[in-house]
Protein backbone atom coordinates (compact mmCIF):
# COMPACT_ATOMS: atom_id res chain seq x y z
CA UNK A 1 65.66 118.36 112.48
CA UNK A 2 67.87 116.84 115.00
CA UNK A 3 67.94 113.42 113.51
CA UNK A 4 69.40 115.14 110.18
CA UNK A 5 71.81 117.16 112.09
CA UNK A 6 73.15 114.10 113.68
CA UNK A 7 73.52 112.47 110.26
CA UNK A 8 75.28 115.34 108.92
CA UNK A 9 77.80 115.38 111.77
CA UNK A 10 78.45 111.79 111.53
CA UNK A 11 79.24 112.14 107.97
CA UNK A 12 81.49 115.22 108.68
CA UNK A 13 79.17 117.84 106.38
CA UNK A 14 79.16 121.51 106.94
CA UNK A 15 75.50 121.81 105.76
CA UNK A 16 72.59 119.71 104.38
CA UNK A 17 73.60 118.77 100.72
CA UNK A 18 70.12 118.80 99.48
CA UNK A 19 68.66 122.08 100.86
CA UNK A 20 67.80 124.89 98.46
CA UNK A 21 70.13 127.23 100.44
CA UNK A 22 73.16 125.14 100.08
CA UNK A 23 75.82 127.29 98.28
CA UNK A 24 77.09 125.72 94.85
CA UNK A 25 80.17 127.32 93.62
CA UNK A 26 80.21 125.29 90.35
CA UNK A 27 77.61 124.24 88.12
CA UNK A 28 76.90 120.41 87.99
CA UNK A 29 78.73 119.29 84.62
CA UNK A 30 76.65 116.37 83.77
CA UNK A 31 73.16 115.98 82.41
CA UNK A 32 73.93 118.61 79.68
CA UNK A 33 73.96 121.43 82.38
CA UNK A 34 77.47 122.75 81.46
CA UNK A 35 76.72 122.31 77.73
CA UNK A 36 73.36 124.08 77.92
CA UNK A 37 75.11 126.90 79.83
CA UNK A 38 77.75 127.42 77.22
CA UNK A 39 75.07 127.64 74.65
CA UNK A 40 73.04 130.18 76.41
CA UNK A 41 76.30 132.27 76.71
CA UNK A 42 76.76 131.93 72.87
CA UNK A 43 73.13 132.58 72.00
CA UNK A 44 72.56 135.46 74.36
CA UNK A 45 75.80 137.34 72.98
CA UNK A 46 75.62 136.35 69.26
CA UNK A 47 71.93 135.65 68.18
CA UNK A 48 69.20 137.98 67.81
CA UNK A 49 66.52 135.30 68.55
CA UNK A 50 64.51 134.93 71.77
CA UNK A 51 66.20 132.00 73.98
CA UNK A 52 63.76 129.69 75.63
CA UNK A 53 65.26 127.60 78.58
CA UNK A 54 62.69 124.93 79.33
CA UNK A 55 62.37 121.94 81.48
CA UNK A 56 60.03 120.51 84.12
CA UNK A 57 59.98 122.02 87.87
CA UNK A 58 63.02 121.33 89.73
CA UNK A 59 65.12 120.59 86.48
CA UNK A 60 67.72 123.51 87.44
CA UNK A 61 66.46 126.02 85.02
CA UNK A 62 66.94 129.02 87.58
CA UNK A 63 70.05 127.61 88.95
CA UNK A 64 71.40 127.78 85.39
CA UNK A 65 70.28 131.22 84.81
CA UNK A 66 71.93 132.30 88.16
CA UNK A 67 75.36 130.81 86.99
CA UNK A 68 74.80 132.55 83.41
CA UNK A 69 74.11 135.98 85.38
CA UNK A 70 77.14 135.25 87.40
CA UNK A 71 79.54 134.88 84.62
CA UNK A 72 78.06 137.66 82.25
CA UNK A 73 80.93 139.64 80.75
CA UNK A 74 81.05 143.48 81.90
CA UNK A 75 79.71 144.52 78.39
CA UNK A 76 76.48 142.85 79.12
CA UNK A 77 74.07 144.22 81.41
CA UNK A 78 72.04 141.40 82.73
CA UNK A 79 68.50 142.06 84.52
CA UNK A 80 66.17 139.59 85.96
CA UNK A 81 62.31 139.47 86.58
CA UNK A 82 59.64 137.07 87.55
CA UNK A 83 56.81 136.72 85.33
CA UNK A 84 54.11 135.54 88.23
CA UNK A 85 51.20 138.25 88.32
CA UNK A 86 52.43 140.08 85.30
CA UNK A 87 49.26 139.88 83.15
CA UNK A 88 49.05 143.11 81.37
CA UNK A 89 51.45 145.30 79.44
CA UNK A 90 51.64 148.12 81.87
CA UNK A 91 52.45 145.68 84.64
CA UNK A 92 55.20 144.19 82.38
CA UNK A 93 56.86 147.44 81.58
CA UNK A 94 56.76 148.63 85.21
CA UNK A 95 58.74 145.51 86.25
CA UNK A 96 61.10 146.12 83.35
CA UNK A 97 61.85 149.63 84.43
CA UNK A 98 62.53 148.25 87.99
CA UNK A 99 64.88 145.55 86.72
CA UNK A 100 66.97 148.04 84.60
CA UNK A 101 66.95 150.39 87.59
CA UNK A 102 65.23 153.03 85.45
CA UNK A 103 62.85 155.73 87.07
CA UNK A 104 59.12 154.81 86.06
CA UNK A 105 56.96 157.72 85.17
CA UNK A 106 53.69 156.85 86.81
CA UNK A 107 51.58 158.81 84.48
CA UNK A 108 53.06 157.52 81.22
CA UNK A 109 51.28 155.94 78.67
CA UNK A 110 52.23 152.53 77.04
CA UNK A 111 53.66 154.13 74.00
CA UNK A 112 55.62 156.55 75.99
CA UNK A 113 57.15 153.73 78.33
CA UNK A 114 58.10 151.71 74.94
CA UNK A 115 59.53 154.99 73.57
CA UNK A 116 61.66 155.35 77.00
CA UNK A 117 62.89 151.78 76.97
CA UNK A 118 63.90 152.39 73.15
CA UNK A 119 65.97 155.33 74.24
CA UNK A 120 67.71 153.34 76.98
CA UNK A 121 68.53 150.54 74.56
CA UNK A 122 70.05 153.20 72.53
CA UNK A 123 72.22 154.59 75.17
CA UNK A 124 73.61 151.13 75.87
CA UNK A 125 74.31 150.57 72.50
CA UNK A 126 76.25 153.84 72.22
CA UNK A 127 78.46 152.22 74.99
CA UNK A 128 79.21 149.24 72.96
CA UNK A 129 77.17 147.16 75.35
CA UNK A 130 74.10 144.79 75.28
CA UNK A 131 71.18 144.23 77.56
CA UNK A 132 69.96 140.80 78.56
CA UNK A 133 66.62 140.43 80.40
CA UNK A 134 65.90 136.93 81.98
CA UNK A 135 62.16 136.23 82.65
CA UNK A 136 61.56 133.33 85.20
CA UNK A 137 58.38 131.64 85.06
CA UNK A 138 57.63 133.02 81.45
CA UNK A 139 54.88 130.57 80.88
CA UNK A 140 52.85 132.41 83.40
CA UNK A 141 52.74 135.80 81.32
CA UNK A 142 49.42 137.02 80.29
CA UNK A 143 49.09 137.09 76.39
CA UNK A 144 49.06 140.72 75.94
CA UNK A 145 52.20 141.20 78.16
CA UNK A 146 53.61 138.22 76.26
CA UNK A 147 53.05 139.78 72.71
CA UNK A 148 54.48 142.95 73.85
CA UNK A 149 57.77 141.38 75.05
CA UNK A 150 57.99 139.52 71.79
CA UNK A 151 57.77 142.57 69.84
CA UNK A 152 60.23 144.52 72.17
CA UNK A 153 62.71 141.74 71.32
CA UNK A 154 62.19 141.13 67.81
CA UNK A 155 60.71 144.04 66.19
CA UNK A 156 61.44 147.22 68.10
CA UNK A 157 65.13 146.04 68.82
CA UNK A 158 67.48 148.11 66.31
CA UNK A 159 70.97 146.65 66.38
CA UNK A 160 69.98 143.52 68.59
CA UNK A 161 70.86 145.57 71.59
CA UNK A 162 68.23 143.92 73.72
CA UNK A 163 68.49 139.90 74.23
CA UNK A 164 65.40 138.13 75.65
CA UNK A 165 65.92 134.80 77.72
CA UNK A 166 62.69 133.30 78.77
CA UNK A 167 62.78 130.47 81.58
CA UNK A 168 59.69 128.17 82.09
CA UNK A 169 57.95 125.03 81.27
CA UNK A 170 57.34 123.30 78.02
CA UNK A 171 54.21 125.15 77.54
CA UNK A 172 56.34 128.39 76.65
CA UNK A 173 57.43 126.70 73.48
CA UNK A 174 53.71 126.53 72.43
CA UNK A 175 53.63 130.25 73.30
CA UNK A 176 56.37 131.19 71.38
CA UNK A 177 55.36 129.49 68.34
CA UNK A 178 52.25 130.83 68.22
CA UNK A 179 53.22 134.60 68.91
CA UNK A 180 56.50 134.97 67.23
CA UNK A 181 56.72 136.40 63.77
CA UNK A 182 58.71 134.31 61.23
CA UNK A 183 61.90 135.35 59.31
CA UNK A 184 62.27 133.59 55.96
CA UNK A 185 60.00 130.87 57.06
CA UNK A 186 61.92 130.22 60.25
CA UNK A 187 61.02 130.64 63.71
CA UNK A 188 62.85 133.34 65.58
CA UNK A 189 63.37 131.52 68.81
CA UNK A 190 65.85 128.95 69.92
CA UNK A 191 64.97 126.47 72.94
CA UNK A 192 67.29 124.90 75.38
CA UNK A 193 65.68 121.97 77.07
CA UNK A 194 67.21 120.41 80.46
CA UNK A 195 66.82 116.72 80.23
CA UNK A 196 66.28 114.46 83.38
CA UNK A 197 69.32 112.50 84.66
CA UNK A 198 69.93 109.00 83.94
CA UNK A 199 71.04 106.48 86.56
CA UNK A 200 74.92 107.42 86.15
CA UNK A 201 74.03 111.07 86.03
CA UNK A 202 72.04 110.73 89.29
CA UNK A 203 75.00 109.04 91.10
CA UNK A 204 77.34 111.72 90.09
CA UNK A 205 75.02 114.40 90.93
CA UNK A 206 74.47 112.99 94.39
CA UNK A 207 78.41 113.06 94.86
CA UNK A 208 78.34 116.49 93.51
CA UNK A 209 75.89 117.83 96.09
CA UNK A 210 77.85 116.01 99.14
CA UNK A 211 81.10 117.46 97.68
CA UNK A 212 79.58 120.78 97.91
CA UNK A 213 79.34 120.69 101.70
CA UNK A 214 82.77 119.20 102.34
CA UNK A 215 82.26 115.31 101.59
CA UNK A 216 85.47 114.69 99.84
CA UNK A 217 87.49 117.21 101.93
CA UNK A 218 89.96 114.64 103.03
CA UNK A 219 89.40 111.75 100.63
CA UNK A 220 88.31 112.44 97.08
CA UNK A 221 87.51 108.68 96.56
CA UNK A 222 85.11 108.30 99.37
CA UNK A 223 82.18 106.15 98.98
CA UNK A 224 78.84 107.55 98.65
CA UNK A 225 76.46 107.06 101.88
CA UNK A 226 74.06 105.56 99.58
CA UNK A 227 74.40 102.01 98.22
CA UNK A 228 73.69 101.24 94.46
CA UNK A 229 70.19 100.20 95.29
CA UNK A 230 69.54 103.34 97.04
CA UNK A 231 70.67 105.25 94.29
CA UNK A 232 68.50 103.25 91.81
CA UNK A 233 65.46 103.98 94.17
CA UNK A 234 66.26 107.51 94.19
CA UNK A 235 66.40 107.94 90.40
CA UNK A 236 63.18 105.80 89.97
CA UNK A 237 61.28 107.87 92.60
CA UNK A 238 62.46 111.34 91.19
CA UNK A 239 62.32 110.73 87.71
CA UNK A 240 66.00 112.00 87.41
CA UNK A 241 64.88 115.58 88.15
CA UNK A 242 67.36 117.35 90.34
CA UNK A 243 64.82 118.86 92.45
CA UNK A 244 63.29 115.69 93.26
CA UNK A 245 66.25 114.04 93.79
CA UNK A 246 67.10 116.33 96.36
CA UNK A 247 63.72 115.69 98.16
CA UNK A 248 64.23 111.94 97.90
CA UNK A 249 67.80 111.95 98.97
CA UNK A 250 67.27 114.09 101.85
CA UNK A 251 64.33 111.99 103.18
CA UNK A 252 66.85 108.91 103.07
CA UNK A 253 69.21 110.80 105.23
CA UNK A 254 66.68 111.70 107.59
CA UNK A 255 65.00 108.18 107.79
CA UNK A 256 68.05 106.11 108.27
CA UNK A 257 65.90 103.44 110.13
CA UNK A 258 63.71 103.30 107.04
CA UNK A 259 65.13 103.88 103.62
CA UNK A 260 68.59 104.24 104.69
CA UNK A 261 69.92 100.94 106.51
CA UNK A 262 71.97 101.30 109.74
CA UNK A 263 74.55 98.71 110.61
CA UNK A 264 73.69 95.23 109.71
CA UNK A 265 71.91 93.14 112.05
CA UNK A 266 73.49 89.91 113.58
CA UNK A 267 71.07 87.43 112.26
CA UNK A 268 71.83 88.41 108.99
CA UNK A 269 75.50 86.86 109.46
CA UNK A 270 76.26 83.30 109.15
CA UNK A 271 78.89 81.97 111.05
CA UNK A 272 80.38 78.39 111.70
CA UNK A 273 79.01 77.03 114.84
CA UNK A 274 82.19 76.65 116.77
CA UNK A 275 82.77 80.28 116.31
CA UNK A 276 79.68 80.87 117.87
CA UNK A 277 80.61 78.51 120.87
CA UNK A 278 83.77 80.10 121.39
CA UNK A 279 82.23 83.69 121.30
CA UNK A 280 79.86 82.69 123.92
CA UNK A 281 82.38 81.08 126.29
CA UNK A 282 84.39 84.03 125.92
CA UNK A 283 81.53 86.40 126.93
CA UNK A 284 81.06 83.91 130.00
CA UNK A 285 84.57 83.97 131.03
CA UNK A 286 84.71 87.85 130.92
CA UNK A 287 81.54 88.24 132.89
CA UNK A 288 82.84 85.72 135.59
CA UNK A 289 86.10 87.55 135.87
CA UNK A 290 84.21 90.88 136.16
CA UNK A 291 82.13 89.52 139.00
CA UNK A 292 85.26 87.79 140.99
CA UNK A 293 87.68 90.59 140.55
CA UNK A 294 84.97 93.43 141.13
CA UNK A 295 85.81 94.17 144.76
CA UNK A 296 89.57 93.91 144.63
CA UNK A 297 92.20 96.63 144.16
CA UNK A 298 92.91 97.24 140.45
CA UNK A 299 96.21 95.49 139.21
CA UNK A 300 98.34 95.52 136.07
CA UNK A 301 96.25 93.97 133.41
CA UNK A 302 97.22 92.14 130.19
CA UNK A 303 95.52 92.84 127.00
CA UNK A 304 94.96 89.55 124.89
CA UNK A 305 94.11 88.65 121.36
CA UNK A 306 91.31 86.13 121.28
CA UNK A 307 92.00 83.77 118.32
CA UNK A 308 88.78 81.94 117.52
CA UNK A 309 89.44 78.38 116.64
CA UNK A 310 89.23 77.57 112.79
CA UNK A 311 86.91 74.67 111.47
CA UNK A 312 88.48 71.34 110.96
CA UNK A 313 88.85 70.74 107.44
CA UNK A 314 91.40 68.95 105.11
CA UNK A 315 92.25 71.95 103.52
CA UNK A 316 93.87 75.02 104.75
CA UNK A 317 91.48 77.53 106.42
CA UNK A 318 90.44 80.38 104.40
CA UNK A 319 89.37 83.79 106.08
CA UNK A 320 85.74 83.80 107.02
CA UNK A 321 83.93 86.89 105.73
CA UNK A 322 82.15 88.44 108.88
CA UNK A 323 79.67 90.64 106.90
CA UNK A 324 77.27 89.86 103.96
CA UNK A 325 76.43 92.63 101.56
CA UNK A 326 74.70 92.64 98.32
CA UNK A 327 77.26 92.37 95.41
CA UNK A 328 75.71 95.37 93.79
CA UNK A 329 76.03 97.40 97.05
CA UNK A 330 78.75 100.05 97.44
CA UNK A 331 80.42 100.48 100.80
CA UNK A 332 78.65 102.97 102.79
CA UNK A 333 79.51 104.70 106.01
CA UNK A 334 75.97 103.63 107.03
CA UNK A 335 76.79 100.02 106.51
CA UNK A 336 80.08 99.35 108.04
CA UNK A 337 81.39 95.95 108.32
CA UNK A 338 80.80 94.10 111.75
CA UNK A 339 83.92 92.41 113.29
CA UNK A 340 84.41 90.35 116.26
CA UNK A 341 86.46 92.25 118.33
CA UNK A 342 87.01 91.20 121.84
CA UNK A 343 88.87 93.05 124.43
CA UNK A 344 89.61 91.47 127.98
CA UNK A 345 88.20 93.18 130.73
CA UNK A 346 90.15 94.21 133.75
CA UNK A 347 91.01 90.79 135.62
CA UNK A 348 93.93 89.73 137.78
CA UNK A 349 96.91 88.49 136.16
CA UNK A 350 98.38 85.30 137.83
CA UNK A 351 101.53 83.67 137.34
CA UNK A 352 99.96 80.90 135.31
CA UNK A 353 98.70 83.29 132.83
CA UNK A 354 101.90 84.86 131.85
CA UNK A 355 104.49 82.54 130.32
CA UNK A 356 108.00 83.85 130.58
CA UNK A 357 110.21 84.02 127.22
CA UNK A 358 113.71 84.02 127.07
CA UNK A 359 115.20 87.57 126.43
CA UNK A 360 118.19 86.01 124.91
CA UNK A 361 116.44 83.94 122.70
CA UNK A 362 118.37 85.35 119.76
CA UNK A 363 121.68 84.22 121.00
CA UNK A 364 120.56 80.63 121.79
CA UNK A 365 121.19 81.05 125.90
CA UNK A 366 118.91 79.25 128.27
CA UNK A 367 116.40 81.63 130.10
CA UNK A 368 115.41 81.39 133.39
CA UNK A 369 111.76 81.76 134.48
CA UNK A 370 110.91 85.24 136.32
CA UNK A 371 107.62 84.77 138.20
CA UNK A 372 106.31 88.40 138.29
CA UNK A 373 103.45 89.93 136.67
CA UNK A 374 104.11 91.46 133.22
CA UNK A 375 102.26 93.37 130.59
CA UNK A 376 101.83 91.27 127.64
CA UNK A 377 103.20 93.19 124.18
CA UNK A 378 102.04 92.32 120.84
CA UNK A 379 103.63 89.24 119.65
CA UNK A 380 106.02 89.37 117.06
CA UNK A 381 105.83 87.68 113.73
CA UNK A 382 108.54 84.88 112.96
CA UNK A 383 108.27 84.00 109.14
CA UNK A 384 104.52 82.95 108.46
CA UNK A 385 104.04 80.61 111.80
CA UNK A 386 102.24 82.24 114.48
CA UNK A 387 104.07 81.93 117.94
CA UNK A 388 102.53 81.80 121.42
CA UNK A 389 102.43 85.31 123.24
CA UNK A 390 105.12 85.13 125.81
CA UNK A 391 107.18 87.51 127.82
CA UNK A 392 110.69 86.54 128.94
CA UNK A 393 113.52 88.20 130.90
CA UNK A 394 116.99 86.85 131.37
CA UNK A 395 117.92 87.03 135.07
CA UNK A 396 121.24 88.79 134.33
CA UNK A 397 120.18 90.64 131.17
CA UNK A 398 119.35 94.36 131.54
CA UNK A 399 115.56 94.71 131.10
CA UNK A 400 114.82 96.30 127.74
CA UNK A 401 112.38 99.08 127.76
CA UNK A 402 108.95 98.22 126.98
CA UNK A 403 107.69 99.17 123.53
CA UNK A 404 104.78 101.46 123.45
CA UNK A 405 101.78 100.17 121.70
CA UNK A 406 100.68 103.74 121.17
CA UNK A 407 102.00 105.23 117.90
CA UNK A 408 103.81 108.72 118.41
CA UNK A 409 101.66 111.86 117.25
CA UNK A 410 102.03 112.81 113.64
CA UNK A 411 104.12 115.68 113.28
CA UNK A 412 102.31 119.06 112.47
CA UNK A 413 103.06 120.15 108.83
CA UNK A 414 103.01 123.80 108.63
CA UNK A 415 102.56 124.99 104.94
CA UNK A 416 105.12 127.52 104.11
CA UNK A 417 103.74 130.24 101.34
CA UNK A 418 105.15 129.93 97.93
CA UNK A 419 107.43 132.64 96.79
CA UNK A 420 106.99 132.41 93.10
CA UNK A 421 106.19 135.38 91.04
CA UNK A 422 102.79 134.22 89.96
CA UNK A 423 100.45 133.04 92.59
CA UNK A 424 100.87 132.90 96.55
CA UNK A 425 98.27 131.09 98.52
CA UNK A 426 99.12 133.27 101.62
CA UNK A 427 99.80 136.42 99.75
CA UNK A 428 97.93 139.42 100.63
CA UNK A 429 94.99 140.40 98.92
CA UNK A 430 96.32 143.77 98.11
CA UNK A 431 99.67 142.33 96.34
CA UNK A 432 97.31 140.22 94.20
CA UNK A 433 95.10 142.95 93.32
CA UNK A 434 97.80 145.41 92.44
CA UNK A 435 99.52 142.62 90.32
CA UNK A 436 96.36 142.06 88.29
CA UNK A 437 95.70 145.57 87.93
CA UNK A 438 99.07 146.23 86.29
CA UNK A 439 98.25 143.84 83.58
CA UNK A 440 97.13 145.07 79.91
CA UNK A 441 93.48 145.38 80.04
CA UNK A 442 93.37 143.99 76.44
CA UNK A 443 94.94 140.68 77.40
CA UNK A 444 92.74 137.76 78.32
CA UNK A 445 92.62 135.23 81.03
CA UNK A 446 91.02 132.03 82.32
CA UNK A 447 88.71 132.16 85.46
CA UNK A 448 88.59 128.82 87.07
CA UNK A 449 86.39 129.27 90.05
CA UNK A 450 84.70 131.56 92.62
CA UNK A 451 84.18 130.97 96.26
CA UNK A 452 82.73 132.61 99.41
CA UNK A 453 85.54 131.13 101.52
CA UNK A 454 89.05 133.01 101.28
CA UNK A 455 90.80 129.86 103.02
CA UNK A 456 89.52 127.51 100.36
CA UNK A 457 90.69 129.64 97.61
CA UNK A 458 94.36 129.98 99.35
CA UNK A 459 94.42 126.16 99.74
CA UNK A 460 93.42 125.72 96.18
CA UNK A 461 96.17 128.15 94.98
CA UNK A 462 98.73 126.27 97.24
CA UNK A 463 97.82 122.81 95.91
CA UNK A 464 98.52 124.20 92.24
CA UNK A 465 101.33 126.55 93.10
CA UNK A 466 103.02 125.05 89.71
CA UNK A 467 100.33 126.93 87.64
CA UNK A 468 100.22 130.56 86.83
CA UNK A 469 97.28 131.31 89.24
CA UNK A 470 96.25 134.71 90.85
CA UNK A 471 93.22 135.37 93.08
CA UNK A 472 91.51 138.48 94.00
CA UNK A 473 88.50 139.63 96.06
CA UNK A 474 85.30 140.87 94.73
CA UNK A 475 81.49 140.99 95.67
CA UNK A 476 78.65 138.85 95.06
CA UNK A 477 75.23 139.86 96.38
CA UNK A 478 76.89 142.28 98.83
CA UNK A 479 79.10 139.51 100.38
CA UNK A 480 82.90 138.86 99.58
CA UNK A 481 83.57 136.37 96.84
CA UNK A 482 87.05 135.36 96.04
CA UNK A 483 88.03 134.42 92.42
CA UNK A 484 90.76 132.57 91.00
CA UNK A 485 92.12 133.16 87.43
CA UNK A 486 94.78 131.22 85.44
CA UNK A 487 97.35 133.00 83.29
CA UNK A 488 97.60 135.89 80.89
CA UNK A 489 97.13 135.30 77.23
CA UNK A 490 97.44 138.08 74.17
CA UNK A 491 93.93 137.12 72.85
CA UNK A 492 90.83 134.99 73.55
CA UNK A 493 91.90 132.40 71.15
CA UNK A 494 95.17 131.68 73.01
CA UNK A 495 93.18 131.71 76.39
CA UNK A 496 90.68 129.16 75.01
CA UNK A 497 93.61 127.04 73.87
CA UNK A 498 95.15 127.15 77.44
CA UNK A 499 91.74 126.54 79.10
CA UNK A 500 91.36 123.46 76.84
CA UNK A 501 94.72 122.11 77.88
CA UNK A 502 94.04 122.05 81.58
CA UNK A 503 94.42 118.76 83.33
CA UNK A 504 93.94 117.22 86.73
CA UNK A 505 92.30 119.32 89.29
CA UNK A 506 92.24 122.44 87.06
CA UNK A 507 90.92 120.41 84.01
CA UNK A 508 87.83 119.28 86.12
CA UNK A 509 86.55 122.86 86.60
CA UNK A 510 84.59 125.45 84.45
CA UNK A 511 87.11 127.59 82.58
CA UNK A 512 85.71 130.91 81.65
CA UNK A 513 87.39 133.22 79.06
CA UNK A 514 87.64 136.86 80.34
CA UNK A 515 89.47 139.92 79.57
CA UNK A 516 91.73 141.73 82.02
CA UNK A 517 89.73 144.97 81.40
CA UNK A 518 86.37 142.84 82.97
CA UNK A 519 88.37 141.46 85.56
CA UNK A 520 90.16 144.69 86.46
CA UNK A 521 86.53 146.35 86.58
CA UNK A 522 85.25 143.76 89.16
CA UNK A 523 88.12 144.67 91.53
CA UNK A 524 87.74 148.33 91.21
CA UNK A 525 84.13 147.74 91.74
CA UNK A 526 84.60 145.94 94.81
CA UNK A 527 87.17 148.21 96.18
């Protein structure tokens, strides 16, 4: 889509913020998403009930399950499968063997396969570990396959080693209500429902998607490229469902001439008539100067600031707004203000156009006129009264150097690596790795974030060099993955207390309590 690529380039984005392939390093914290993730982690570890994660298409169920699988502890074996086309018990069992990376005996009966799974669960329990199976699109399971899966989770599951997470639409709850056996009159399943976003959550979600591709890299308070009305329209058309929000917002980015407005058109701006006359006269003068001086040799030119006459009123003039925007609209890079900026085109400078000014005005001596062309510099401000732009030079005074109107280039700031003993943004990966591996495996830490960009992680650590941060490299789906952790604590409770006390940039992240044993296992597995 060339038009969309041009829009992304104009906004300074690295990718389409609303594409399914856009990498998201953190889970959207609003709309009960982060709370739902915490609840899912707790239930999958502590409860023997089946967990049902439900919501409409596009509500983010699969994404939340992805983050759960990514953050699972080392003592949990997390496997995933998709229920599409799994209608019979044999198909279900074959897919479960594949998910657990077990050899599937082709000629085995259903009973033999169930017995083999029971032996596998027993072996996992002997290692003080548990198994979590996530089934996507679970509402598409056949009745027989669904009944068998419920029995494996609730009946043939000694020690509650096997935990089942079913992901699907709301019809899944009816299937569980009909199939699950009750325990003391209570259903043995717990549901987590992902609600749609309200207007404020939709606005925050749009910013979250934009920020994921570098929108706020230089300016954290940068205004969204959507006005309030457009955000309201996105929320209304999408129903607050994240997947639909992505589609509508991408369509707005693509059709800037339709949904997304470009620059305001001139007829929408109301200016005093004398301003319009002055602007027209200026254009006529510039055109005449261009035609008269087009065939002559180029000479030095003077840039002049054109001041439009203010309306004649009895009161002091007030600034006239040059744009009109709806009061409820936010500032938008696609709706920039239109200003009347006039630059004089190259034209000959004559003696009558440049009025000399005494160079010795400060001393009170009388200046003499020097009738030579000069470059008009920016006028100095004397108190609050504007003075005519003039250039002067005393006959006997030494000419002062002409002040350059071009600002000097900003100095290049080179970040120096920190020398603290905790974290170094430019420290070598091996040094960080060995330091983390030396910590007692029984202690705990707080994982703050993971990212695919090493430079982003190093910059994050550098910005927060006052905190005890460490980073290490591991692997995610076969690719390098860089993780930042915070501190070392004697137990989980101390780590949780430290995570709750985080503020500023660290406090806005998703803290995850992990043991150093698990962290060190990730490091060794990646190396």
